[in-house]
Each structure stands twice: as structure tokens, then as C-alpha cells.
Amino acid sequence: MIYTLTLSPSVDLLIKSDDFELEKVNRYHDFEILPGGKGLNASIVLKRHNFDNVGISLFDSNTFLTFTKLFNDEKVNIHNINASSKTRINIKYYGNKESFELNGPKTILNDQIKSKIINKLKNLVSDDIVFIMGISDELFLKEILLLLNQNNVKFILDIDTPNLKDFLVFEPFLIKPNLDELKKNFNFSINNEKELINCMKTLQNFGAKNIIVSMDKNGSYLLTESNKLYKASILKKVDVISATAAGDTMVSIFAANYLKTNNAAESLKLASSAAAGTVNSRWLGDSLKTKKFLSYINVEEL
């Protein structure tokens, strides 16, 4: 079974407006309130592509009740551990001229919450896989990874931290850094394709088994644990409605399909198409959008 873990979920307030100016009263014409969190995004996208999964979240009880109908409509199985503190609100503003995000503080994990998370994870077996997407407490994350290693449970690590190298020793099944994260967190110099590939091989030497590096509109690269290298290119321009969760979509669909088929090229093409579908959607893509964009993606083995 696929499990997703969202250690710091949010209530996302999406605001759309024509203009925004400081020191004046601004009015917006459209808004939505949605559950936020990389793991939750992955759970919903996976289910929309017929991959069953269990999402583990940490909403406070009242906030979780607010989203119960949405989760039921999406047919996703969410196991919520009631957080003691109120779930943060993240504001995402989309205007004609500019956009910005204002994110609240991450969830504080007390000992009781940590114990409940460990109890949910300790019974997983080698046939399971955990998508760990987003980070809250780095010391606790190492405790989780040690437990998963002891039980031979595969995991995907999609976190933004300057200490990423410290987590690679736990041998994640998949990581998906982007160029900026590689330069910032590893001090890599990347000016061409050869240097990028060398960086990916270095990450593999550090412990990561499969690595996808996202190049945004320029596609992505994949280095598999069998040392095969692929490049996904975007052949046609995709109209951008919202770039939120495109990365979550790519990593989750690639991992789920690769584990199912063991076909890296097919999985990269499907994941890239799914990410394009999310970019072209108001909130997360689905299988119909993915099929639409398959012809936009070319995957070649290098």
C-alpha cells in the first residue's frame, strides 16, 4: 500500500484579484478554501489516477471536519491524527500583475503526536511505501526513516532542507530536487547537461536510489538505481493556470507507476504529463488531463 505523510498540513486560502496595492483597501472577486500539504496533494492526485493510498495528516479536529466532505468526494482515505494546535492558514494570492504566498508556521509536533505517528508507521511492511513530502521536525524525521529502514519499507523523500545530504544515508527510493535546491543545498556548479548528470550521480553515491531533477518548463532528468538515464522534454507549451503541486504530482505518479510497472521511461512520461495536467488545472490534475498531455511529452534514454 502507498502511504503519504503530511506532517504540517494547512488551510490554503486562494485569492484571485485584478490588482493588489499596499496601503489601500484591496478587494478580491474570487476565493477558495482547500486542504494544503504536499502529501495530501499526492494522495488526491494518486487517487484521481486510480492508485489507492492512505494519507496520514495532522489537522486539528475542527479543520479536518471542514474538509471531510471534500476528501469523501475525492474518495481518498485520510487517517487524521488530531493536532493539539490549530491548523495554520496559508494565503496564496493570484493577481494579473503579481502573485505571492504568505505561509503560516509549521505544525509543532509534541511527544504525544510523535508517538501516534510512529504507532501508525511501525506496522508497515516491505510491500508498503511511504511518501514523505514536506518537513516539520528534522530530528523526528530521522527517527521515522530509521524505523522504515529497520522494517525494509521503501520511502520517497521530497523535502526542502539545506541538510538533505544527511537524509540520503537512509537510502530513499526517490528524491526530486530542482536546480536551485541542488545549487543551494549541495553547492553544486551546474552550467550544462554533463555537470547536471554528474551531480545526479553524486546524489546516488550519497544514498539516493532514483533521482528526478525538475527543470520546470524545460522538462526533467531521471537517473535510475540501475544507472539508466532519461530526459523528458516538453514539446508544446502548456497553458499555466496554477503551478501549485506540479512537483507533488510528478513525484507521486512516477513512483506509483514505476513500482507497478518497473518501466522507468513510461513512468517518467506519465508523470510529466500528469504534472502538465496539474499546471493546466485550477487545483490538481486528473487522469483525463494526463491523457491529454501525453503527446506533449517526449522521453529519450541518454
C-alpha atoms as a PDB file:
ATOM      1  CA  MET A   1       0.000   0.000   0.000  1.00  0.00           C
ATOM      2  CA  ILE A   2       1.047   3.571  -0.665  1.00  0.00           C
ATOM      3  CA  TYR A   3       1.035   5.883   2.359  1.00  0.00           C
ATOM      4  CA  THR A   4       1.510   9.640   2.216  1.00  0.00           C
ATOM      5  CA  LEU A   5       2.634  11.586   5.265  1.00  0.00           C
ATOM      6  CA  THR A   6       1.836  15.277   5.714  1.00  0.00           C
ATOM      7  CA  LEU A   7       3.478  16.489   8.915  1.00  0.00           C
ATOM      8  CA  SER A   8       2.493  20.128   8.508  1.00  0.00           C
ATOM      9  CA  PRO A   9      -0.829  20.473   6.658  1.00  0.00           C
ATOM     10  CA  SER A  10      -2.550  23.789   6.096  1.00  0.00           C
ATOM     11  CA  VAL A  11      -5.754  25.504   5.183  1.00  0.00           C
ATOM     12  CA  ASP A  12      -4.996  27.151   1.851  1.00  0.00           C
ATOM     13  CA  LEU A  13      -6.895  30.347   1.125  1.00  0.00           C
ATOM     14  CA  LEU A  14      -6.636  31.006  -2.610  1.00  0.00           C
ATOM     15  CA  ILE A  15      -7.454  34.572  -3.607  1.00  0.00           C
ATOM     16  CA  LYS A  16      -7.856  35.863  -7.143  1.00  0.00           C
ATOM     17  CA  SER A  17      -7.983  39.561  -7.886  1.00  0.00           C
ATOM     18  CA  ASP A  18      -7.124  42.077 -10.573  1.00  0.00           C
ATOM     19  CA  ASP A  19      -4.765  44.301  -8.631  1.00  0.00           C
ATOM     20  CA  PHE A  20      -3.072  44.499  -5.252  1.00  0.00           C
ATOM     21  CA  GLU A  21      -1.634  47.668  -3.757  1.00  0.00           C
ATOM     22  CA  LEU A  22      -0.078  48.348  -0.380  1.00  0.00           C
ATOM     23  CA  GLU A  23      -1.603  50.904   1.992  1.00  0.00           C
ATOM     24  CA  LYS A  24      -5.076  50.706   0.491  1.00  0.00           C
ATOM     25  CA  VAL A  25      -8.175  48.562   0.794  1.00  0.00           C
ATOM     26  CA  ASN A  26      -7.949  45.796  -1.802  1.00  0.00           C
ATOM     27  CA  ARG A  27     -10.938  43.735  -2.875  1.00  0.00           C
ATOM     28  CA  TYR A  28     -10.925  40.308  -4.467  1.00  0.00           C
ATOM     29  CA  HIS A  29     -13.521  38.755  -6.722  1.00  0.00           C
ATOM     30  CA  ASP A  30     -12.903  35.032  -6.205  1.00  0.00           C
ATOM     31  CA  PHE A  31     -11.589  32.747  -3.464  1.00  0.00           C
ATOM     32  CA  GLU A  32     -11.367  29.090  -2.489  1.00  0.00           C
ATOM     33  CA  ILE A  33     -10.504  27.258   0.716  1.00  0.00           C
ATOM     34  CA  LEU A  34      -8.666  23.969   0.175  1.00  0.00           C
ATOM     35  CA  PRO A  35      -6.596  21.491   2.195  1.00  0.00           C
ATOM     36  CA  GLY A  36      -2.894  22.114   1.759  1.00  0.00           C
ATOM     37  CA  GLY A  37       0.146  19.910   2.090  1.00  0.00           C
ATOM     38  CA  LYS A  38       2.408  18.061  -0.352  1.00  0.00           C
ATOM     39  CA  GLY A  39       1.405  14.620   0.892  1.00  0.00           C
ATOM     40  CA  LEU A  40      -2.294  15.463   0.678  1.00  0.00           C
ATOM     41  CA  ASN A  41      -1.801  16.733  -2.860  1.00  0.00           C
ATOM     42  CA  ALA A  42      -0.116  13.428  -3.684  1.00  0.00           C
ATOM     43  CA  SER A  43      -2.946  11.383  -2.136  1.00  0.00           C
ATOM     44  CA  ILE A  44      -5.597  13.173  -4.171  1.00  0.00           C
ATOM     45  CA  VAL A  45      -3.633  13.064  -7.437  1.00  0.00           C
ATOM     46  CA  LEU A  46      -2.836   9.381  -6.944  1.00  0.00           C
ATOM     47  CA  LYS A  47      -6.484   8.512  -6.331  1.00  0.00           C
ATOM     48  CA  ARG A  48      -7.522  10.517  -9.407  1.00  0.00           C
ATOM     49  CA  HIS A  49      -5.176   8.215 -11.348  1.00  0.00           C
ATOM     50  CA  ASN A  50      -6.597   5.056  -9.715  1.00  0.00           C
ATOM     51  CA  PHE A  51      -3.723   4.456  -7.310  1.00  0.00           C
ATOM     52  CA  ASP A  52      -5.187   3.542  -3.939  1.00  0.00           C
ATOM     53  CA  ASN A  53      -3.412   5.048  -0.971  1.00  0.00           C
ATOM     54  CA  VAL A  54      -3.739   6.094   2.648  1.00  0.00           C
ATOM     55  CA  GLY A  55      -2.987   9.681   3.617  1.00  0.00           C
ATOM     56  CA  ILE A  56      -1.768  10.422   7.151  1.00  0.00           C
ATOM     57  CA  SER A  57      -2.404  14.037   8.160  1.00  0.00           C
ATOM     58  CA  LEU A  58      -2.179  16.239  11.243  1.00  0.00           C
ATOM     59  CA  PHE A  59      -5.114  18.650  11.056  1.00  0.00           C
ATOM     60  CA  ASP A  60      -6.784  19.854  14.223  1.00  0.00           C
ATOM     61  CA  SER A  61     -10.133  18.089  14.633  1.00  0.00           C
ATOM     62  CA  ASN A  62     -12.339  21.029  13.597  1.00  0.00           C
ATOM     63  CA  THR A  63     -10.317  21.727  10.451  1.00  0.00           C
ATOM     64  CA  PHE A  64     -10.372  18.064   9.482  1.00  0.00           C
ATOM     65  CA  LEU A  65     -14.160  18.020   9.789  1.00  0.00           C
ATOM     66  CA  THR A  66     -14.276  21.030   7.463  1.00  0.00           C
ATOM     67  CA  PHE A  67     -12.573  19.011   4.729  1.00  0.00           C
ATOM     68  CA  THR A  68     -14.291  15.667   5.341  1.00  0.00           C
ATOM     69  CA  LYS A  69     -16.798  16.126   2.502  1.00  0.00           C
ATOM     70  CA  LEU A  70     -14.038  17.091   0.069  1.00  0.00           C
ATOM     71  CA  PHE A  71     -11.989  14.012   0.996  1.00  0.00           C
ATOM     72  CA  ASN A  72     -15.067  11.813   0.660  1.00  0.00           C
ATOM     73  CA  ASP A  73     -15.880  13.313  -2.734  1.00  0.00           C
ATOM     74  CA  GLU A  74     -12.315  12.589  -3.857  1.00  0.00           C
ATOM     75  CA  LYS A  75     -12.626   9.044  -2.447  1.00  0.00           C
ATOM     76  CA  VAL A  76      -9.320   9.411  -0.619  1.00  0.00           C
ATOM     77  CA  ASN A  77      -8.650   7.526   2.600  1.00  0.00           C
ATOM     78  CA  ILE A  78      -7.287  10.055   5.103  1.00  0.00           C
ATOM     79  CA  HIS A  79      -6.200   8.928   8.566  1.00  0.00           C
ATOM     80  CA  ASN A  80      -6.024  12.116  10.616  1.00  0.00           C
ATOM     81  CA  ILE A  81      -4.110  12.428  13.869  1.00  0.00           C
ATOM     82  CA  ASN A  82      -5.755  15.344  15.662  1.00  0.00           C
ATOM     83  CA  ALA A  83      -3.175  18.056  16.239  1.00  0.00           C
ATOM     84  CA  SER A  84      -3.381  19.970  19.510  1.00  0.00           C
ATOM     85  CA  SER A  85      -2.702  23.328  17.855  1.00  0.00           C
ATOM     86  CA  LYS A  86      -4.956  24.974  15.298  1.00  0.00           C
ATOM     87  CA  THR A  87      -4.020  24.226  11.691  1.00  0.00           C
ATOM     88  CA  ARG A  88      -2.152  27.068  10.004  1.00  0.00           C
ATOM     89  CA  ILE A  89      -3.648  29.155   7.217  1.00  0.00           C
ATOM     90  CA  ASN A  90      -1.596  29.787   4.082  1.00  0.00           C
ATOM     91  CA  ILE A  91      -2.625  32.644   1.806  1.00  0.00           C
ATOM     92  CA  LYS A  92      -1.982  32.295  -1.910  1.00  0.00           C
ATOM     93  CA  TYR A  93      -2.720  35.413  -3.938  1.00  0.00           C
ATOM     94  CA  TYR A  94      -3.031  35.337  -7.722  1.00  0.00           C
ATOM     95  CA  GLY A  95      -3.298  38.701  -9.461  1.00  0.00           C
ATOM     96  CA  ASN A  96      -2.990  39.956 -13.008  1.00  0.00           C
ATOM     97  CA  LYS A  97       0.356  41.623 -12.348  1.00  0.00           C
ATOM     98  CA  GLU A  98       1.824  39.698  -9.413  1.00  0.00           C
ATOM     99  CA  SER A  99       1.324  36.706  -7.170  1.00  0.00           C
ATOM    100  CA  PHE A 100       2.566  35.896  -3.691  1.00  0.00           C
ATOM    101  CA  GLU A 101       2.226  33.418  -0.850  1.00  0.00           C
ATOM    102  CA  LEU A 102       2.036  34.071   2.885  1.00  0.00           C
ATOM    103  CA  ASN A 103       2.531  30.838   4.817  1.00  0.00           C
ATOM    104  CA  GLY A 104       1.865  30.246   8.487  1.00  0.00           C
ATOM    105  CA  PRO A 105       4.217  28.487  10.953  1.00  0.00           C
ATOM    106  CA  LYS A 106       4.634  24.743  10.565  1.00  0.00           C
ATOM    107  CA  THR A 107       2.918  22.296  12.894  1.00  0.00           C
ATOM    108  CA  ILE A 108       4.656  21.753  16.225  1.00  0.00           C
ATOM    109  CA  LEU A 109       4.979  18.030  16.924  1.00  0.00           C
ATOM    110  CA  ASN A 110       4.722  17.228  20.622  1.00  0.00           C
ATOM    111  CA  ASP A 111       5.694  13.857  22.089  1.00  0.00           C
ATOM    112  CA  GLN A 112       2.117  12.560  22.031  1.00  0.00           C
ATOM    113  CA  ILE A 113       1.707  13.356  18.334  1.00  0.00           C
ATOM    114  CA  LYS A 114       5.085  11.828  17.508  1.00  0.00           C
ATOM    115  CA  SER A 115       4.136   8.648  19.342  1.00  0.00           C
ATOM    116  CA  LYS A 116       0.884   8.358  17.366  1.00  0.00           C
ATOM    117  CA  ILE A 117       2.736   8.792  14.075  1.00  0.00           C
ATOM    118  CA  ILE A 118       5.279   6.118  14.996  1.00  0.00           C
ATOM    119  CA  ASN A 119       2.489   3.747  16.009  1.00  0.00           C
ATOM    120  CA  LYS A 120       0.892   4.147  12.570  1.00  0.00           C
ATOM    121  CA  LEU A 121       4.163   3.554  10.755  1.00  0.00           C
ATOM    122  CA  LYS A 122       5.657   0.735  12.817  1.00  0.00           C
ATOM    123  CA  ASN A 123       3.271  -1.871  11.392  1.00  0.00           C
ATOM    124  CA  LEU A 124       4.177  -1.195   7.754  1.00  0.00           C
ATOM    125  CA  VAL A 125       5.921  -3.974   5.840  1.00  0.00           C
ATOM    126  CA  SER A 126       8.299  -4.288   2.900  1.00  0.00           C
ATOM    127  CA  ASP A 127       5.461  -4.216   0.352  1.00  0.00           C
ATOM    128  CA  ASP A 128       4.438  -0.749   1.562  1.00  0.00           C
ATOM    129  CA  ILE A 129       5.917   2.591   0.530  1.00  0.00           C
ATOM    130  CA  VAL A 130       5.730   5.930   2.321  1.00  0.00           C
ATOM    131  CA  PHE A 131       5.705   9.268   0.534  1.00  0.00           C
ATOM    132  CA  ILE A 132       7.294  11.785   2.913  1.00  0.00           C
ATOM    133  CA  MET A 133       6.642  15.178   1.376  1.00  0.00           C
ATOM    134  CA  GLY A 134       7.400  18.337   3.303  1.00  0.00           C
ATOM    135  CA  ILE A 135       9.239  18.623   6.598  1.00  0.00           C
ATOM    136  CA  SER A 136       8.482  19.843  10.106  1.00  0.00           C
ATOM    137  CA  ASP A 137      10.933  18.380  12.626  1.00  0.00           C
ATOM    138  CA  GLU A 138      14.231  17.123  11.180  1.00  0.00           C
ATOM    139  CA  LEU A 139      15.268  15.067  14.219  1.00  0.00           C
ATOM    140  CA  PHE A 140      11.897  13.332  14.256  1.00  0.00           C
ATOM    141  CA  LEU A 141      12.144  12.701  10.519  1.00  0.00           C
ATOM    142  CA  LYS A 142      15.399  10.824  11.092  1.00  0.00           C
ATOM    143  CA  GLU A 143      13.595   8.722  13.704  1.00  0.00           C
ATOM    144  CA  ILE A 144      10.916   7.896  11.128  1.00  0.00           C
ATOM    145  CA  LEU A 145      13.466   6.989   8.467  1.00  0.00           C
ATOM    146  CA  LEU A 146      15.367   4.754  10.865  1.00  0.00           C
ATOM    147  CA  LEU A 147      12.123   2.892  11.638  1.00  0.00           C
ATOM    148  CA  LEU A 148      11.323   2.480   7.935  1.00  0.00           C
ATOM    149  CA  ASN A 149      14.837   1.194   7.250  1.00  0.00           C
ATOM    150  CA  GLN A 150      14.553  -1.344  10.071  1.00  0.00           C
ATOM    151  CA  ASN A 151      11.298  -2.659   8.573  1.00  0.00           C
ATOM    152  CA  ASN A 152      12.617  -2.581   4.967  1.00  0.00           C
ATOM    153  CA  VAL A 153       9.902  -0.109   3.949  1.00  0.00           C
ATOM    154  CA  LYS A 154      10.635   1.975   0.861  1.00  0.00           C
ATOM    155  CA  PHE A 155      10.121   5.726   1.119  1.00  0.00           C
ATOM    156  CA  ILE A 156      10.142   8.765  -1.109  1.00  0.00           C
ATOM    157  CA  LEU A 157      11.695  11.935   0.206  1.00  0.00           C
ATOM    158  CA  ASP A 158      10.501  15.259  -1.191  1.00  0.00           C
ATOM    159  CA  ILE A 159      11.735  17.855   1.284  1.00  0.00           C
ATOM    160  CA  ASP A 160      13.474  21.215   1.013  1.00  0.00           C
ATOM    161  CA  THR A 161      16.243  21.429   3.564  1.00  0.00           C
ATOM    162  CA  PRO A 162      19.886  22.507   3.484  1.00  0.00           C
ATOM    163  CA  ASN A 163      20.571  19.248   5.334  1.00  0.00           C
ATOM    164  CA  LEU A 164      19.255  16.960   2.590  1.00  0.00           C
ATOM    165  CA  LYS A 165      22.587  15.124   2.383  1.00  0.00           C
ATOM    166  CA  ASP A 166      22.117  13.953   5.992  1.00  0.00           C
ATOM    167  CA  PHE A 167      18.901  12.171   4.984  1.00  0.00           C
ATOM    168  CA  LEU A 168      20.315  10.443   1.906  1.00  0.00           C
ATOM    169  CA  VAL A 169      22.233   7.961   4.071  1.00  0.00           C
ATOM    170  CA  PHE A 170      18.805   6.360   4.776  1.00  0.00           C
ATOM    171  CA  GLU A 171      18.662   5.485   1.035  1.00  0.00           C
ATOM    172  CA  PRO A 172      15.379   6.996  -0.182  1.00  0.00           C
ATOM    173  CA  PHE A 173      13.772   5.193  -3.111  1.00  0.00           C
ATOM    174  CA  LEU A 174      13.267   8.533  -4.882  1.00  0.00           C
ATOM    175  CA  ILE A 175      14.158  12.195  -4.457  1.00  0.00           C
ATOM    176  CA  LYS A 176      13.228  15.104  -6.721  1.00  0.00           C
ATOM    177  CA  PRO A 177      15.352  18.208  -6.191  1.00  0.00           C
ATOM    178  CA  ASN A 178      15.271  21.114  -8.614  1.00  0.00           C
ATOM    179  CA  LEU A 179      18.277  23.040  -9.894  1.00  0.00           C
ATOM    180  CA  ASP A 180      18.028  25.782  -7.279  1.00  0.00           C
ATOM    181  CA  GLU A 181      17.912  23.237  -4.454  1.00  0.00           C
ATOM    182  CA  LEU A 182      20.955  21.419  -5.843  1.00  0.00           C
ATOM    183  CA  LYS A 183      22.939  24.630  -6.032  1.00  0.00           C
ATOM    184  CA  LYS A 184      21.765  25.895  -2.648  1.00  0.00           C
ATOM    185  CA  ASN A 185      21.881  22.695  -0.595  1.00  0.00           C
ATOM    186  CA  PHE A 186      24.923  20.996  -2.146  1.00  0.00           C
ATOM    187  CA  ASN A 187      26.855  23.939  -3.568  1.00  0.00           C
ATOM    188  CA  PHE A 188      26.952  22.239  -6.967  1.00  0.00           C
ATOM    189  CA  SER A 189      28.014  24.207 -10.034  1.00  0.00           C
ATOM    190  CA  ILE A 190      25.630  23.288 -12.849  1.00  0.00           C
ATOM    191  CA  ASN A 191      26.094  25.023 -16.185  1.00  0.00           C
ATOM    192  CA  ASN A 192      25.385  22.241 -18.648  1.00  0.00           C
ATOM    193  CA  GLU A 193      23.870  18.771 -19.023  1.00  0.00           C
ATOM    194  CA  LYS A 194      27.125  16.951 -18.245  1.00  0.00           C
ATOM    195  CA  GLU A 195      27.541  18.775 -14.936  1.00  0.00           C
ATOM    196  CA  LEU A 196      23.912  18.066 -14.031  1.00  0.00           C
ATOM    197  CA  ILE A 197      24.341  14.340 -14.693  1.00  0.00           C
ATOM    198  CA  ASN A 198      27.494  14.275 -12.588  1.00  0.00           C
ATOM    199  CA  CYS A 199      25.564  15.932  -9.754  1.00  0.00           C
ATOM    200  CA  MET A 200      22.830  13.302 -10.001  1.00  0.00           C
ATOM    201  CA  LYS A 201      25.426  10.535  -9.816  1.00  0.00           C
ATOM    202  CA  THR A 202      26.920  12.189  -6.745  1.00  0.00           C
ATOM    203  CA  LEU A 203      23.490  12.169  -5.075  1.00  0.00           C
ATOM    204  CA  GLN A 204      23.251   8.482  -5.880  1.00  0.00           C
ATOM    205  CA  ASN A 205      26.624   7.908  -4.247  1.00  0.00           C
ATOM    206  CA  PHE A 206      25.275   9.688  -1.156  1.00  0.00           C
ATOM    207  CA  GLY A 207      22.465   7.112  -0.954  1.00  0.00           C
ATOM    208  CA  ALA A 208      19.509   8.131  -3.136  1.00  0.00           C
ATOM    209  CA  LYS A 209      18.379   5.283  -5.402  1.00  0.00           C
ATOM    210  CA  ASN A 210      16.362   7.112  -8.065  1.00  0.00           C
ATOM    211  CA  ILE A 211      16.681  10.824  -8.770  1.00  0.00           C
ATOM    212  CA  ILE A 212      14.483  13.158 -10.783  1.00  0.00           C
ATOM    213  CA  VAL A 213      15.715  16.698 -11.336  1.00  0.00           C
ATOM    214  CA  SER A 214      13.000  19.073 -12.433  1.00  0.00           C
ATOM    215  CA  MET A 215      13.836  21.771 -14.977  1.00  0.00           C
ATOM    216  CA  ASP A 216      10.327  23.316 -14.882  1.00  0.00           C
ATOM    217  CA  LYS A 217       9.236  24.206 -18.428  1.00  0.00           C
ATOM    218  CA  ASN A 218      12.451  22.657 -19.771  1.00  0.00           C
ATOM    219  CA  GLY A 219      11.448  19.177 -18.673  1.00  0.00           C
ATOM    220  CA  SER A 220      13.314  16.855 -16.316  1.00  0.00           C
ATOM    221  CA  TYR A 221      16.064  14.248 -15.993  1.00  0.00           C
ATOM    222  CA  LEU A 222      15.827  10.822 -14.372  1.00  0.00           C
ATOM    223  CA  LEU A 223      18.675   8.647 -13.123  1.00  0.00           C
ATOM    224  CA  THR A 224      17.503   5.188 -12.013  1.00  0.00           C
ATOM    225  CA  GLU A 225      19.076   2.839  -9.495  1.00  0.00           C
ATOM    226  CA  SER A 226      20.072   0.600 -12.444  1.00  0.00           C
ATOM    227  CA  ASN A 227      22.123   3.562 -13.706  1.00  0.00           C
ATOM    228  CA  LYS A 228      19.871   4.335 -16.677  1.00  0.00           C
ATOM    229  CA  LEU A 229      19.467   7.975 -17.616  1.00  0.00           C
ATOM    230  CA  TYR A 230      16.400   9.550 -19.222  1.00  0.00           C
ATOM    231  CA  LYS A 231      15.415  13.018 -20.328  1.00  0.00           C
ATOM    232  CA  ALA A 232      11.812  14.230 -20.584  1.00  0.00           C
ATOM    233  CA  SER A 233      11.207  17.192 -22.890  1.00  0.00           C
ATOM    234  CA  ILE A 234       8.067  19.292 -23.264  1.00  0.00           C
ATOM    235  CA  LEU A 235       7.245  19.555 -26.970  1.00  0.00           C
ATOM    236  CA  LYS A 236       4.386  22.059 -26.758  1.00  0.00           C
ATOM    237  CA  LYS A 237       3.669  24.977 -24.484  1.00  0.00           C
ATOM    238  CA  VAL A 238       1.281  24.171 -21.647  1.00  0.00           C
ATOM    239  CA  ASP A 239      -1.098  26.959 -20.611  1.00  0.00           C
ATOM    240  CA  VAL A 240      -0.409  27.658 -16.948  1.00  0.00           C
ATOM    241  CA  ILE A 241      -3.409  28.073 -14.665  1.00  0.00           C
ATOM    242  CA  SER A 242      -1.624  27.214 -11.415  1.00  0.00           C
ATOM    243  CA  ALA A 243       1.838  25.750 -10.891  1.00  0.00           C
ATOM    244  CA  THR A 244       0.991  24.698  -7.332  1.00  0.00           C
ATOM    245  CA  ALA A 245       1.601  20.979  -6.705  1.00  0.00           C
ATOM    246  CA  ALA A 246       3.111  20.232 -10.121  1.00  0.00           C
ATOM    247  CA  GLY A 247       6.163  18.748  -8.399  1.00  0.00           C
ATOM    248  CA  ASP A 248       3.994  16.764  -5.969  1.00  0.00           C
ATOM    249  CA  THR A 249       2.130  15.360  -8.953  1.00  0.00           C
ATOM    250  CA  MET A 250       5.269  14.356 -10.817  1.00  0.00           C
ATOM    251  CA  VAL A 251       6.992  12.577  -7.947  1.00  0.00           C
ATOM    252  CA  SER A 252       3.879  10.709  -6.789  1.00  0.00           C
ATOM    253  CA  ILE A 253       2.740   9.493 -10.225  1.00  0.00           C
ATOM    254  CA  PHE A 254       6.264   8.490 -11.254  1.00  0.00           C
ATOM    255  CA  ALA A 255       6.874   6.486  -8.088  1.00  0.00           C
ATOM    256  CA  ALA A 256       3.487   4.769  -8.103  1.00  0.00           C
ATOM    257  CA  ASN A 257       3.671   3.781 -11.761  1.00  0.00           C
ATOM    258  CA  TYR A 258       7.350   2.770 -11.639  1.00  0.00           C
ATOM    259  CA  LEU A 259       6.694   0.475  -8.684  1.00  0.00           C
ATOM    260  CA  LYS A 260       3.742  -1.010 -10.564  1.00  0.00           C
ATOM    261  CA  THR A 261       5.372  -1.469 -13.991  1.00  0.00           C
ATOM    262  CA  ASN A 262       9.155  -1.233 -13.451  1.00  0.00           C
ATOM    263  CA  ASN A 263       9.178   0.825 -16.667  1.00  0.00           C
ATOM    264  CA  ALA A 264      11.149   3.998 -15.993  1.00  0.00           C
ATOM    265  CA  ALA A 265      10.624   5.678 -19.387  1.00  0.00           C
ATOM    266  CA  GLU A 266       6.874   5.081 -19.398  1.00  0.00           C
ATOM    267  CA  SER A 267       6.594   6.265 -15.792  1.00  0.00           C
ATOM    268  CA  LEU A 268       8.556   9.455 -16.475  1.00  0.00           C
ATOM    269  CA  LYS A 269       6.350  10.233 -19.473  1.00  0.00           C
ATOM    270  CA  LEU A 270       3.186   9.606 -17.447  1.00  0.00           C
ATOM    271  CA  ALA A 271       4.458  11.684 -14.513  1.00  0.00           C
ATOM    272  CA  SER A 272       5.495  14.571 -16.764  1.00  0.00           C
ATOM    273  CA  SER A 273       2.089  14.505 -18.461  1.00  0.00           C
ATOM    274  CA  ALA A 274       0.349  14.426 -15.084  1.00  0.00           C
ATOM    275  CA  ALA A 275       2.398  17.413 -13.898  1.00  0.00           C
ATOM    276  CA  ALA A 276       1.385  19.307 -17.047  1.00  0.00           C
ATOM    277  CA  GLY A 277      -2.214  18.410 -16.246  1.00  0.00           C
ATOM    278  CA  THR A 278      -1.884  19.903 -12.769  1.00  0.00           C
ATOM    279  CA  VAL A 279      -0.300  23.074 -14.169  1.00  0.00           C
ATOM    280  CA  ASN A 280      -3.276  23.350 -16.534  1.00  0.00           C
ATOM    281  CA  SER A 281      -5.823  22.872 -13.724  1.00  0.00           C
ATOM    282  CA  ARG A 282      -7.398  25.064 -11.092  1.00  0.00           C
ATOM    283  CA  TRP A 283      -6.474  22.563  -8.391  1.00  0.00           C
ATOM    284  CA  LEU A 284      -4.595  19.359  -9.208  1.00  0.00           C
ATOM    285  CA  GLY A 285      -4.814  17.348 -12.407  1.00  0.00           C
ATOM    286  CA  ASP A 286      -6.634  14.105 -13.139  1.00  0.00           C
ATOM    287  CA  SER A 287      -6.282  11.139 -15.477  1.00  0.00           C
ATOM    288  CA  LEU A 288      -8.163  12.869 -18.318  1.00  0.00           C
ATOM    289  CA  LYS A 289      -5.791  15.820 -18.260  1.00  0.00           C
ATOM    290  CA  THR A 290      -2.843  13.437 -18.104  1.00  0.00           C
ATOM    291  CA  LYS A 291      -4.002  11.612 -21.230  1.00  0.00           C
ATOM    292  CA  LYS A 292      -4.454  14.947 -22.994  1.00  0.00           C
ATOM    293  CA  PHE A 293      -0.839  15.966 -22.386  1.00  0.00           C
ATOM    294  CA  LEU A 294       0.861  12.649 -23.170  1.00  0.00           C
ATOM    295  CA  SER A 295       1.516  13.857 -26.713  1.00  0.00           C
ATOM    296  CA  TYR A 296       3.233  16.959 -25.295  1.00  0.00           C
ATOM    297  CA  ILE A 297       5.994  14.874 -23.687  1.00  0.00           C
ATOM    298  CA  ASN A 298       8.968  13.108 -25.257  1.00  0.00           C
ATOM    299  CA  VAL A 299      11.204  10.800 -23.224  1.00  0.00           C
ATOM    300  CA  GLU A 300      14.578   9.628 -24.504  1.00  0.00           C
ATOM    301  CA  GLU A 301      17.256   7.459 -22.985  1.00  0.00           C
ATOM    302  CA  LEU A 302      20.645   9.172 -22.881  1.00  0.00           C
END
